[in-house]
Amino acid sequence: MRIFGVILAGGEARRLGGVDKALVHLAGRPLIAHVLDRLEPQVEQVLISANGDAGRFARFGCKVVADDRSQGPLSGILAALTRAAELGATHVVSTPVDTPFLPGDLVPQLLLAAESSPAGLALARDGTGDHPATAIWPVGLVASVTDFLQSGEAKVTRFTAAHGASFANFPDPRGFVNVNTPDDLVLAEAMLKGAA
């Protein structure tokens, strides 16, 4: 089993003023660096899913994959699955670029949950709800995801429900805190300092 990670960095970050969210600074470092710190030790290698100038991510040492079609997170996941399959991976663990506190046991818990899914697909869940963009995807789903997107569908949860995804339950919702607004950024800074 060879598991790659993908950081979904293609969002427009409208609530942060339309900046490149991946490069927004949290405690003096780009947001993507915090996500890399959490994800990288759990996978063989990390890909970054993003359109535009790939050079802006050069310092992070990850391959950048662009979407063929921009249909939200699922098109980024498809790009990563396709590239990871070419590189010999069996699975991809996806997560958004705005989740700097990912659990240290994210990948093993997703793997365990995926055992009860007929498609080998599992999503993260905590007491606040489901986190469909944080999931484990077998690379064998490339054709299914492609067909789904070509049909005009793009909703991750619609795809995962149709393929019998299971859920990995995480007790601490702080692991999936999203940084979407300036207030979220302040909260994340406080969390890093241990004040929240």
N, C-alpha and C. Protein backbone atom coordinates (compact mmCIF):
# COMPACT_ATOMS: atom_id res chain seq x y z
N MET A 1 0.85 -1.20 0.00
CA MET A 1 0.00 0.00 0.00
C MET A 1 0.88 1.25 0.00
N ARG A 2 0.60 2.14 -0.94
CA ARG A 2 1.36 3.39 -1.03
C ARG A 2 0.37 4.56 -0.98
N ILE A 3 0.47 5.34 0.06
CA ILE A 3 -0.50 6.42 0.29
C ILE A 3 0.16 7.77 0.08
N PHE A 4 -0.41 8.54 -0.83
CA PHE A 4 0.02 9.91 -1.06
C PHE A 4 -1.00 10.85 -0.39
N GLY A 5 -0.58 12.07 -0.16
CA GLY A 5 -1.49 13.10 0.32
C GLY A 5 -1.70 14.13 -0.77
N VAL A 6 -2.82 14.81 -0.71
CA VAL A 6 -3.01 15.98 -1.58
C VAL A 6 -3.62 17.11 -0.76
N ILE A 7 -3.02 18.27 -0.87
CA ILE A 7 -3.55 19.48 -0.24
C ILE A 7 -4.32 20.23 -1.31
N LEU A 8 -5.60 20.43 -1.06
CA LEU A 8 -6.48 21.11 -2.03
C LEU A 8 -6.34 22.61 -1.83
N ALA A 9 -5.58 23.23 -2.73
CA ALA A 9 -5.24 24.65 -2.58
C ALA A 9 -5.82 25.50 -3.70
N GLY A 10 -6.95 25.08 -4.24
CA GLY A 10 -7.51 25.78 -5.39
C GLY A 10 -8.61 26.77 -5.09
N GLY A 11 -8.96 26.95 -3.81
CA GLY A 11 -10.06 27.85 -3.47
C GLY A 11 -9.72 29.31 -3.71
N GLU A 12 -10.78 30.13 -3.81
CA GLU A 12 -10.58 31.56 -4.11
C GLU A 12 -10.44 32.44 -2.88
N ALA A 13 -10.75 31.92 -1.71
CA ALA A 13 -10.59 32.66 -0.44
C ALA A 13 -11.27 34.03 -0.47
N ARG A 14 -12.51 34.06 -0.95
CA ARG A 14 -13.24 35.34 -1.03
C ARG A 14 -13.37 36.02 0.33
N ARG A 15 -13.59 35.20 1.39
CA ARG A 15 -13.79 35.80 2.73
C ARG A 15 -12.49 36.29 3.36
N LEU A 16 -11.36 35.98 2.72
CA LEU A 16 -10.07 36.52 3.17
C LEU A 16 -9.58 37.59 2.21
N GLY A 17 -10.48 38.13 1.42
CA GLY A 17 -10.13 39.22 0.52
C GLY A 17 -9.64 38.76 -0.84
N GLY A 18 -9.91 37.48 -1.19
CA GLY A 18 -9.54 36.98 -2.52
C GLY A 18 -8.06 36.69 -2.69
N VAL A 19 -7.35 36.57 -1.57
CA VAL A 19 -5.91 36.27 -1.64
C VAL A 19 -5.71 34.78 -1.87
N ASP A 20 -4.47 34.39 -2.15
CA ASP A 20 -4.12 32.97 -2.30
C ASP A 20 -4.09 32.38 -0.88
N LYS A 21 -5.14 31.66 -0.52
CA LYS A 21 -5.27 31.19 0.86
C LYS A 21 -4.07 30.36 1.32
N ALA A 22 -3.53 29.56 0.43
CA ALA A 22 -2.40 28.70 0.80
C ALA A 22 -1.23 29.50 1.36
N LEU A 23 -1.08 30.75 0.90
CA LEU A 23 0.07 31.56 1.27
C LEU A 23 -0.23 32.60 2.34
N VAL A 24 -1.47 32.60 2.84
CA VAL A 24 -1.82 33.48 3.96
C VAL A 24 -0.99 33.07 5.17
N HIS A 25 -0.45 34.04 5.88
CA HIS A 25 0.42 33.72 7.01
C HIS A 25 -0.36 33.45 8.29
N LEU A 26 0.01 32.36 8.93
CA LEU A 26 -0.51 31.99 10.24
C LEU A 26 0.72 31.80 11.13
N ALA A 27 0.83 32.61 12.15
CA ALA A 27 1.99 32.56 13.06
C ALA A 27 3.31 32.67 12.28
N GLY A 28 3.32 33.55 11.27
CA GLY A 28 4.55 33.83 10.54
C GLY A 28 4.91 32.85 9.45
N ARG A 29 4.05 31.85 9.21
CA ARG A 29 4.33 30.86 8.16
C ARG A 29 3.10 30.71 7.29
N PRO A 30 3.29 30.38 6.00
CA PRO A 30 2.13 30.17 5.12
C PRO A 30 1.24 29.04 5.65
N LEU A 31 -0.05 29.21 5.49
CA LEU A 31 -1.03 28.22 5.93
C LEU A 31 -0.69 26.83 5.41
N ILE A 32 -0.28 26.75 4.15
CA ILE A 32 0.03 25.44 3.57
C ILE A 32 1.18 24.75 4.30
N ALA A 33 2.11 25.51 4.86
CA ALA A 33 3.23 24.92 5.59
C ALA A 33 2.73 24.19 6.84
N HIS A 34 1.73 24.75 7.49
CA HIS A 34 1.15 24.10 8.69
C HIS A 34 0.47 22.78 8.31
N VAL A 35 -0.26 22.79 7.18
CA VAL A 35 -0.94 21.58 6.73
C VAL A 35 0.09 20.52 6.35
N LEU A 36 1.14 20.95 5.65
CA LEU A 36 2.23 20.03 5.28
C LEU A 36 2.86 19.39 6.52
N ASP A 37 3.08 20.19 7.56
CA ASP A 37 3.67 19.66 8.80
C ASP A 37 2.84 18.51 9.36
N ARG A 38 1.51 18.61 9.23
CA ARG A 38 0.60 17.59 9.78
C ARG A 38 0.45 16.39 8.87
N LEU A 39 0.40 16.64 7.56
CA LEU A 39 0.10 15.57 6.62
C LEU A 39 1.34 14.77 6.18
N GLU A 40 2.44 15.48 5.95
CA GLU A 40 3.63 14.86 5.37
C GLU A 40 4.15 13.64 6.14
N PRO A 41 4.18 13.66 7.49
CA PRO A 41 4.70 12.49 8.20
C PRO A 41 3.80 11.24 8.06
N GLN A 42 2.57 11.44 7.58
CA GLN A 42 1.61 10.33 7.53
C GLN A 42 1.50 9.67 6.16
N VAL A 43 2.18 10.24 5.15
CA VAL A 43 2.04 9.73 3.78
C VAL A 43 3.42 9.61 3.12
N GLU A 44 3.44 8.94 1.98
CA GLU A 44 4.71 8.76 1.26
C GLU A 44 5.18 10.06 0.62
N GLN A 45 4.27 10.78 -0.01
CA GLN A 45 4.59 12.10 -0.54
C GLN A 45 3.31 12.92 -0.65
N VAL A 46 3.48 14.24 -0.73
CA VAL A 46 2.34 15.14 -0.79
C VAL A 46 2.31 15.86 -2.13
N LEU A 47 1.13 15.89 -2.73
CA LEU A 47 0.88 16.68 -3.93
C LEU A 47 0.10 17.92 -3.51
N ILE A 48 0.21 18.96 -4.31
CA ILE A 48 -0.60 20.16 -4.10
C ILE A 48 -1.51 20.32 -5.32
N SER A 49 -2.81 20.40 -5.07
CA SER A 49 -3.77 20.61 -6.15
C SER A 49 -4.06 22.10 -6.24
N ALA A 50 -3.62 22.71 -7.35
CA ALA A 50 -3.82 24.15 -7.52
C ALA A 50 -3.67 24.51 -8.99
N ASN A 51 -4.41 25.50 -9.42
CA ASN A 51 -4.27 26.04 -10.77
C ASN A 51 -3.41 27.29 -10.69
N GLY A 52 -3.06 27.84 -11.86
CA GLY A 52 -2.24 29.05 -11.88
C GLY A 52 -0.76 28.70 -11.84
N ASP A 53 0.04 29.65 -11.44
CA ASP A 53 1.49 29.51 -11.45
C ASP A 53 1.96 28.52 -10.38
N ALA A 54 2.42 27.36 -10.82
CA ALA A 54 2.89 26.33 -9.89
C ALA A 54 4.14 26.77 -9.14
N GLY A 55 4.87 27.72 -9.72
CA GLY A 55 6.11 28.19 -9.11
C GLY A 55 5.94 28.78 -7.72
N ARG A 56 4.74 29.26 -7.42
CA ARG A 56 4.53 29.87 -6.11
C ARG A 56 4.63 28.85 -4.98
N PHE A 57 4.59 27.55 -5.33
CA PHE A 57 4.70 26.49 -4.32
C PHE A 57 6.05 25.79 -4.34
N ALA A 58 6.99 26.28 -5.16
CA ALA A 58 8.27 25.59 -5.35
C ALA A 58 9.00 25.35 -4.03
N ARG A 59 8.93 26.31 -3.12
CA ARG A 59 9.70 26.19 -1.87
C ARG A 59 9.22 25.06 -0.97
N PHE A 60 8.03 24.50 -1.26
CA PHE A 60 7.49 23.44 -0.40
C PHE A 60 7.90 22.04 -0.85
N GLY A 61 8.53 21.93 -2.02
CA GLY A 61 9.08 20.66 -2.47
C GLY A 61 8.06 19.60 -2.84
N CYS A 62 6.86 20.02 -3.23
CA CYS A 62 5.80 19.08 -3.60
C CYS A 62 5.45 19.24 -5.08
N LYS A 63 5.06 18.14 -5.71
CA LYS A 63 4.56 18.23 -7.08
C LYS A 63 3.20 18.94 -7.06
N VAL A 64 2.99 19.81 -8.03
CA VAL A 64 1.72 20.55 -8.14
C VAL A 64 0.93 19.96 -9.30
N VAL A 65 -0.34 19.66 -9.05
CA VAL A 65 -1.21 19.14 -10.10
C VAL A 65 -2.36 20.12 -10.30
N ALA A 66 -2.66 20.40 -11.57
CA ALA A 66 -3.76 21.32 -11.90
C ALA A 66 -4.98 20.53 -12.35
N ASP A 67 -6.15 21.12 -12.18
CA ASP A 67 -7.40 20.50 -12.63
C ASP A 67 -7.51 20.60 -14.15
N ASP A 68 -8.11 19.59 -14.76
CA ASP A 68 -8.47 19.71 -16.18
C ASP A 68 -9.70 20.60 -16.30
N ARG A 69 -10.58 20.48 -15.34
CA ARG A 69 -11.80 21.29 -15.31
C ARG A 69 -11.97 21.78 -13.88
N SER A 70 -12.35 23.01 -13.69
CA SER A 70 -12.49 23.53 -12.34
C SER A 70 -13.92 23.33 -11.86
N GLN A 71 -14.14 22.25 -11.13
CA GLN A 71 -15.47 21.95 -10.60
C GLN A 71 -15.41 21.76 -9.10
N GLY A 72 -14.55 22.54 -8.44
CA GLY A 72 -14.47 22.45 -6.99
C GLY A 72 -13.52 21.37 -6.53
N PRO A 73 -13.63 21.00 -5.25
CA PRO A 73 -12.67 20.07 -4.65
C PRO A 73 -12.56 18.73 -5.37
N LEU A 74 -13.68 18.23 -5.90
CA LEU A 74 -13.65 16.91 -6.52
C LEU A 74 -12.77 16.89 -7.77
N SER A 75 -12.72 18.00 -8.51
CA SER A 75 -11.84 18.03 -9.68
C SER A 75 -10.36 18.06 -9.24
N GLY A 76 -10.08 18.70 -8.12
CA GLY A 76 -8.72 18.66 -7.57
C GLY A 76 -8.34 17.28 -7.09
N ILE A 77 -9.30 16.60 -6.48
CA ILE A 77 -9.07 15.22 -6.02
C ILE A 77 -8.81 14.32 -7.22
N LEU A 78 -9.58 14.50 -8.30
CA LEU A 78 -9.37 13.69 -9.50
C LEU A 78 -7.97 13.92 -10.07
N ALA A 79 -7.53 15.17 -10.15
CA ALA A 79 -6.19 15.46 -10.67
C ALA A 79 -5.13 14.76 -9.82
N ALA A 80 -5.32 14.77 -8.50
CA ALA A 80 -4.36 14.13 -7.61
C ALA A 80 -4.40 12.61 -7.75
N LEU A 81 -5.59 12.04 -7.84
CA LEU A 81 -5.72 10.59 -8.02
C LEU A 81 -5.02 10.13 -9.30
N THR A 82 -5.23 10.89 -10.36
CA THR A 82 -4.64 10.54 -11.66
C THR A 82 -3.12 10.58 -11.58
N ARG A 83 -2.59 11.65 -11.01
CA ARG A 83 -1.12 11.80 -10.90
C ARG A 83 -0.54 10.77 -9.94
N ALA A 84 -1.21 10.56 -8.82
CA ALA A 84 -0.71 9.59 -7.83
C ALA A 84 -0.68 8.19 -8.42
N ALA A 85 -1.69 7.84 -9.22
CA ALA A 85 -1.73 6.52 -9.86
C ALA A 85 -0.53 6.36 -10.80
N GLU A 86 -0.23 7.43 -11.55
CA GLU A 86 0.94 7.40 -12.45
C GLU A 86 2.24 7.18 -11.69
N LEU A 87 2.28 7.67 -10.45
CA LEU A 87 3.49 7.57 -9.63
C LEU A 87 3.51 6.30 -8.78
N GLY A 88 2.51 5.44 -8.95
CA GLY A 88 2.49 4.16 -8.25
C GLY A 88 1.77 4.12 -6.92
N ALA A 89 1.05 5.18 -6.58
CA ALA A 89 0.30 5.19 -5.31
C ALA A 89 -0.93 4.30 -5.42
N THR A 90 -1.39 3.82 -4.27
CA THR A 90 -2.63 3.04 -4.22
C THR A 90 -3.79 3.87 -3.69
N HIS A 91 -3.47 4.88 -2.87
CA HIS A 91 -4.49 5.72 -2.24
C HIS A 91 -4.01 7.17 -2.18
N VAL A 92 -4.98 8.06 -2.08
CA VAL A 92 -4.69 9.48 -1.84
C VAL A 92 -5.54 9.94 -0.66
N VAL A 93 -4.90 10.64 0.26
CA VAL A 93 -5.64 11.29 1.36
C VAL A 93 -5.70 12.77 1.03
N SER A 94 -6.92 13.28 0.91
CA SER A 94 -7.12 14.69 0.56
C SER A 94 -7.44 15.51 1.80
N THR A 95 -7.05 16.77 1.75
CA THR A 95 -7.45 17.71 2.80
C THR A 95 -7.36 19.13 2.26
N PRO A 96 -8.23 20.01 2.72
CA PRO A 96 -8.15 21.41 2.28
C PRO A 96 -6.92 22.11 2.86
N VAL A 97 -6.51 23.17 2.19
CA VAL A 97 -5.33 23.92 2.61
C VAL A 97 -5.58 24.77 3.85
N ASP A 98 -6.85 24.87 4.25
CA ASP A 98 -7.17 25.73 5.40
C ASP A 98 -7.41 24.96 6.69
N THR A 99 -6.81 23.77 6.81
CA THR A 99 -6.98 22.93 8.02
C THR A 99 -5.62 22.72 8.69
N PRO A 100 -5.11 23.71 9.41
CA PRO A 100 -3.75 23.63 9.93
C PRO A 100 -3.56 22.74 11.16
N PHE A 101 -4.65 22.16 11.68
CA PHE A 101 -4.54 21.37 12.91
C PHE A 101 -4.92 19.91 12.72
N LEU A 102 -4.70 19.37 11.53
CA LEU A 102 -5.09 17.99 11.23
C LEU A 102 -4.59 17.02 12.31
N PRO A 103 -5.41 16.01 12.63
CA PRO A 103 -4.99 15.03 13.63
C PRO A 103 -3.74 14.25 13.19
N GLY A 104 -2.90 13.93 14.15
CA GLY A 104 -1.70 13.16 13.87
C GLY A 104 -1.98 11.72 13.46
N ASP A 105 -3.21 11.26 13.73
CA ASP A 105 -3.59 9.89 13.34
C ASP A 105 -4.63 9.91 12.22
N LEU A 106 -4.65 10.99 11.43
CA LEU A 106 -5.64 11.12 10.37
C LEU A 106 -5.61 9.93 9.41
N VAL A 107 -4.46 9.62 8.87
CA VAL A 107 -4.36 8.58 7.85
C VAL A 107 -4.70 7.20 8.40
N PRO A 108 -4.13 6.77 9.53
CA PRO A 108 -4.51 5.45 10.03
C PRO A 108 -5.99 5.30 10.35
N GLN A 109 -6.59 6.37 10.87
CA GLN A 109 -8.02 6.31 11.19
C GLN A 109 -8.87 6.22 9.93
N LEU A 110 -8.49 6.99 8.89
CA LEU A 110 -9.22 6.92 7.62
C LEU A 110 -9.06 5.53 6.99
N LEU A 111 -7.86 4.98 7.05
CA LEU A 111 -7.61 3.64 6.51
C LEU A 111 -8.47 2.59 7.20
N LEU A 112 -8.54 2.68 8.50
CA LEU A 112 -9.33 1.74 9.28
C LEU A 112 -10.81 1.84 8.91
N ALA A 113 -11.30 3.06 8.81
CA ALA A 113 -12.71 3.27 8.45
C ALA A 113 -12.99 2.78 7.03
N ALA A 114 -12.03 2.96 6.13
CA ALA A 114 -12.23 2.57 4.73
C ALA A 114 -12.43 1.07 4.55
N GLU A 115 -11.99 0.29 5.54
CA GLU A 115 -12.16 -1.16 5.46
C GLU A 115 -13.63 -1.57 5.41
N SER A 116 -14.52 -0.72 5.94
CA SER A 116 -15.94 -1.07 5.96
C SER A 116 -16.72 -0.45 4.79
N SER A 117 -16.00 0.18 3.85
CA SER A 117 -16.64 0.76 2.67
C SER A 117 -16.40 -0.14 1.47
N PRO A 118 -17.46 -0.46 0.70
CA PRO A 118 -17.26 -1.31 -0.48
C PRO A 118 -16.28 -0.72 -1.49
N ALA A 119 -16.20 0.62 -1.53
CA ALA A 119 -15.28 1.28 -2.48
C ALA A 119 -13.93 1.61 -1.84
N GLY A 120 -13.78 1.31 -0.53
CA GLY A 120 -12.54 1.65 0.15
C GLY A 120 -12.37 3.14 0.38
N LEU A 121 -13.50 3.82 0.53
CA LEU A 121 -13.55 5.28 0.62
C LEU A 121 -14.02 5.68 2.01
N ALA A 122 -13.32 6.60 2.67
CA ALA A 122 -13.74 7.04 4.00
C ALA A 122 -13.50 8.53 4.17
N LEU A 123 -14.43 9.17 4.88
CA LEU A 123 -14.37 10.60 5.15
C LEU A 123 -14.15 10.84 6.64
N ALA A 124 -13.60 12.01 6.95
CA ALA A 124 -13.43 12.41 8.34
C ALA A 124 -14.75 12.98 8.88
N ARG A 125 -14.98 12.72 10.17
CA ARG A 125 -16.19 13.23 10.84
C ARG A 125 -15.79 13.54 12.28
N ASP A 126 -16.39 14.60 12.82
CA ASP A 126 -16.21 14.89 14.24
C ASP A 126 -17.54 15.34 14.81
N GLY A 127 -17.54 15.81 16.04
CA GLY A 127 -18.79 16.19 16.70
C GLY A 127 -19.51 17.36 16.04
N THR A 128 -18.80 18.10 15.18
CA THR A 128 -19.44 19.25 14.52
C THR A 128 -20.03 18.87 13.16
N GLY A 129 -19.67 17.69 12.64
CA GLY A 129 -20.20 17.28 11.34
C GLY A 129 -19.18 16.52 10.52
N ASP A 130 -19.50 16.38 9.24
CA ASP A 130 -18.64 15.64 8.31
C ASP A 130 -17.68 16.60 7.61
N HIS A 131 -16.53 16.06 7.21
CA HIS A 131 -15.52 16.85 6.51
C HIS A 131 -15.17 16.12 5.21
N PRO A 132 -16.05 16.25 4.21
CA PRO A 132 -15.92 15.43 3.01
C PRO A 132 -14.66 15.67 2.19
N ALA A 133 -14.03 16.82 2.31
CA ALA A 133 -12.80 17.06 1.55
C ALA A 133 -11.59 16.45 2.24
N THR A 134 -11.77 15.98 3.48
CA THR A 134 -10.71 15.27 4.19
C THR A 134 -11.09 13.81 4.17
N ALA A 135 -10.44 13.06 3.28
CA ALA A 135 -10.89 11.69 3.01
C ALA A 135 -9.76 10.87 2.42
N ILE A 136 -9.97 9.55 2.41
CA ILE A 136 -9.05 8.65 1.72
C ILE A 136 -9.74 8.07 0.50
N TRP A 137 -9.03 8.10 -0.63
CA TRP A 137 -9.56 7.72 -1.94
C TRP A 137 -8.65 6.68 -2.59
N PRO A 138 -9.14 5.48 -2.90
CA PRO A 138 -8.33 4.56 -3.68
C PRO A 138 -8.16 5.11 -5.11
N VAL A 139 -6.98 4.93 -5.69
CA VAL A 139 -6.75 5.46 -7.04
C VAL A 139 -7.63 4.75 -8.08
N GLY A 140 -8.15 3.59 -7.72
CA GLY A 140 -9.07 2.88 -8.61
C GLY A 140 -10.37 3.61 -8.87
N LEU A 141 -10.60 4.72 -8.16
CA LEU A 141 -11.83 5.50 -8.36
C LEU A 141 -11.70 6.55 -9.46
N VAL A 142 -10.55 6.61 -10.13
CA VAL A 142 -10.33 7.64 -11.16
C VAL A 142 -11.46 7.64 -12.20
N ALA A 143 -11.78 6.48 -12.74
CA ALA A 143 -12.80 6.42 -13.80
C ALA A 143 -14.17 6.86 -13.27
N SER A 144 -14.51 6.43 -12.06
CA SER A 144 -15.81 6.79 -11.47
C SER A 144 -15.92 8.29 -11.22
N VAL A 145 -14.84 8.88 -10.70
CA VAL A 145 -14.85 10.33 -10.44
C VAL A 145 -14.92 11.09 -11.77
N THR A 146 -14.18 10.62 -12.77
CA THR A 146 -14.21 11.25 -14.10
C THR A 146 -15.62 11.23 -14.67
N ASP A 147 -16.26 10.07 -14.64
CA ASP A 147 -17.64 9.96 -15.16
C ASP A 147 -18.59 10.87 -14.41
N PHE A 148 -18.43 10.93 -13.10
CA PHE A 148 -19.29 11.75 -12.25
C PHE A 148 -19.17 13.22 -12.63
N LEU A 149 -17.94 13.70 -12.78
CA LEU A 149 -17.72 15.11 -13.14
C LEU A 149 -18.20 15.39 -14.56
N GLN A 150 -17.98 14.46 -15.46
CA GLN A 150 -18.42 14.66 -16.85
C GLN A 150 -19.94 14.68 -16.96
N SER A 151 -20.62 14.08 -16.00
CA SER A 151 -22.09 14.09 -16.01
C SER A 151 -22.65 15.44 -15.55
N GLY A 152 -21.75 16.33 -15.11
CA GLY A 152 -22.18 17.65 -14.64
C GLY A 152 -22.29 17.73 -13.13
N GLU A 153 -22.10 16.62 -12.45
CA GLU A 153 -22.12 16.61 -10.98
C GLU A 153 -20.76 17.06 -10.46
N ALA A 154 -20.73 17.62 -9.25
CA ALA A 154 -19.44 18.01 -8.69
C ALA A 154 -19.42 17.91 -7.17
N LYS A 155 -20.55 17.63 -6.55
CA LYS A 155 -20.63 17.63 -5.09
C LYS A 155 -19.95 16.39 -4.51
N VAL A 156 -18.96 16.62 -3.69
CA VAL A 156 -18.19 15.52 -3.10
C VAL A 156 -19.11 14.57 -2.35
N THR A 157 -20.02 15.09 -1.53
CA THR A 157 -20.86 14.22 -0.71
C THR A 157 -21.82 13.37 -1.55
N ARG A 158 -22.21 13.88 -2.69
CA ARG A 158 -23.07 13.08 -3.57
C ARG A 158 -22.30 11.88 -4.12
N PHE A 159 -21.05 12.14 -4.49
CA PHE A 159 -20.21 11.04 -4.98
C PHE A 159 -19.93 10.03 -3.88
N THR A 160 -19.53 10.51 -2.72
CA THR A 160 -19.13 9.59 -1.65
C THR A 160 -20.32 8.77 -1.15
N ALA A 161 -21.50 9.39 -1.08
CA ALA A 161 -22.70 8.64 -0.66
C ALA A 161 -23.03 7.55 -1.66
N ALA A 162 -22.92 7.88 -2.95
CA ALA A 162 -23.23 6.91 -4.01
C ALA A 162 -22.25 5.74 -4.01
N HIS A 163 -21.07 5.94 -3.43
CA HIS A 163 -20.06 4.89 -3.42
C HIS A 163 -19.86 4.26 -2.04
N GLY A 164 -20.84 4.47 -1.17
CA GLY A 164 -20.83 3.79 0.13
C GLY A 164 -19.67 4.15 1.03
N ALA A 165 -19.31 5.43 1.04
CA ALA A 165 -18.20 5.85 1.90
C ALA A 165 -18.53 5.61 3.37
N SER A 166 -17.52 5.26 4.13
CA SER A 166 -17.68 5.14 5.57
C SER A 166 -17.06 6.38 6.23
N PHE A 167 -17.10 6.42 7.55
CA PHE A 167 -16.63 7.61 8.27
C PHE A 167 -15.63 7.23 9.35
N ALA A 168 -14.58 8.03 9.45
CA ALA A 168 -13.63 7.93 10.56
C ALA A 168 -14.01 9.02 11.55
N ASN A 169 -14.33 8.62 12.76
CA ASN A 169 -14.78 9.57 13.78
C ASN A 169 -13.60 10.05 14.62
N PHE A 170 -13.46 11.36 14.70
CA PHE A 170 -12.39 11.98 15.47
C PHE A 170 -13.02 12.72 16.65
N PRO A 171 -12.52 12.50 17.87
CA PRO A 171 -13.15 13.10 19.04
C PRO A 171 -12.94 14.60 19.19
N ASP A 172 -11.84 15.11 18.64
CA ASP A 172 -11.51 16.53 18.87
C ASP A 172 -11.77 17.35 17.61
N PRO A 173 -12.83 18.18 17.61
CA PRO A 173 -13.14 18.97 16.42
C PRO A 173 -12.09 20.01 16.06
N ARG A 174 -11.16 20.29 16.97
CA ARG A 174 -10.12 21.28 16.65
C ARG A 174 -9.23 20.82 15.50
N GLY A 175 -9.19 19.50 15.27
CA GLY A 175 -8.37 18.97 14.18
C GLY A 175 -8.84 19.41 12.80
N PHE A 176 -10.09 19.87 12.73
CA PHE A 176 -10.65 20.23 11.42
C PHE A 176 -11.09 21.69 11.36
N VAL A 177 -10.56 22.51 12.25
CA VAL A 177 -10.84 23.94 12.22
C VAL A 177 -10.41 24.49 10.87
N ASN A 178 -11.33 25.23 10.22
CA ASN A 178 -11.03 25.85 8.92
C ASN A 178 -10.68 27.32 9.12
N VAL A 179 -9.72 27.79 8.36
CA VAL A 179 -9.37 29.21 8.37
C VAL A 179 -9.98 29.83 7.11
N ASN A 180 -11.18 30.40 7.27
CA ASN A 180 -11.90 30.98 6.14
C ASN A 180 -12.02 32.49 6.19
N THR A 181 -11.91 33.07 7.38
CA THR A 181 -12.13 34.50 7.56
C THR A 181 -11.00 35.09 8.41
N PRO A 182 -10.89 36.41 8.45
CA PRO A 182 -9.90 37.02 9.34
C PRO A 182 -10.09 36.60 10.81
N ASP A 183 -11.35 36.46 11.25
CA ASP A 183 -11.61 36.01 12.62
C ASP A 183 -11.09 34.60 12.85
N ASP A 184 -11.25 33.73 11.84
CA ASP A 184 -10.74 32.36 11.95
C ASP A 184 -9.22 32.37 12.09
N LEU A 185 -8.59 33.30 11.39
CA LEU A 185 -7.14 33.42 11.45
C LEU A 185 -6.70 33.81 12.86
N VAL A 186 -7.43 34.72 13.48
CA VAL A 186 -7.13 35.14 14.85
C VAL A 186 -7.29 33.96 15.81
N LEU A 187 -8.38 33.20 15.63
CA LEU A 187 -8.62 32.03 16.47
C LEU A 187 -7.49 31.00 16.30
N ALA A 188 -7.10 30.76 15.06
CA ALA A 188 -6.03 29.79 14.79
C ALA A 188 -4.72 30.22 15.43
N GLU A 189 -4.44 31.52 15.38
CA GLU A 189 -3.22 32.04 16.03
C GLU A 189 -3.28 31.76 17.53
N ALA A 190 -4.46 31.99 18.12
CA ALA A 190 -4.63 31.74 19.56
C ALA A 190 -4.46 30.26 19.87
N MET A 191 -4.99 29.40 19.00
CA MET A 191 -4.87 27.96 19.20
C MET A 191 -3.40 27.53 19.16
N LEU A 192 -2.66 28.10 18.24
CA LEU A 192 -1.23 27.76 18.14
C LEU A 192 -0.46 28.18 19.38
N LYS A 193 -0.91 29.28 19.97
CA LYS A 193 -0.24 29.77 21.19
C LYS A 193 -0.78 29.08 22.43
N GLY A 194 -1.77 28.22 22.25
CA GLY A 194 -2.34 27.49 23.39
C GLY A 194 -3.32 28.30 24.20
N ALA A 195 -3.80 29.42 23.63
CA ALA A 195 -4.70 30.28 24.38
C ALA A 195 -6.18 29.97 24.13
N ALA A 196 -6.46 29.16 23.11
CA ALA A 196 -7.87 28.88 22.78
C ALA A 196 -8.21 27.45 23.11
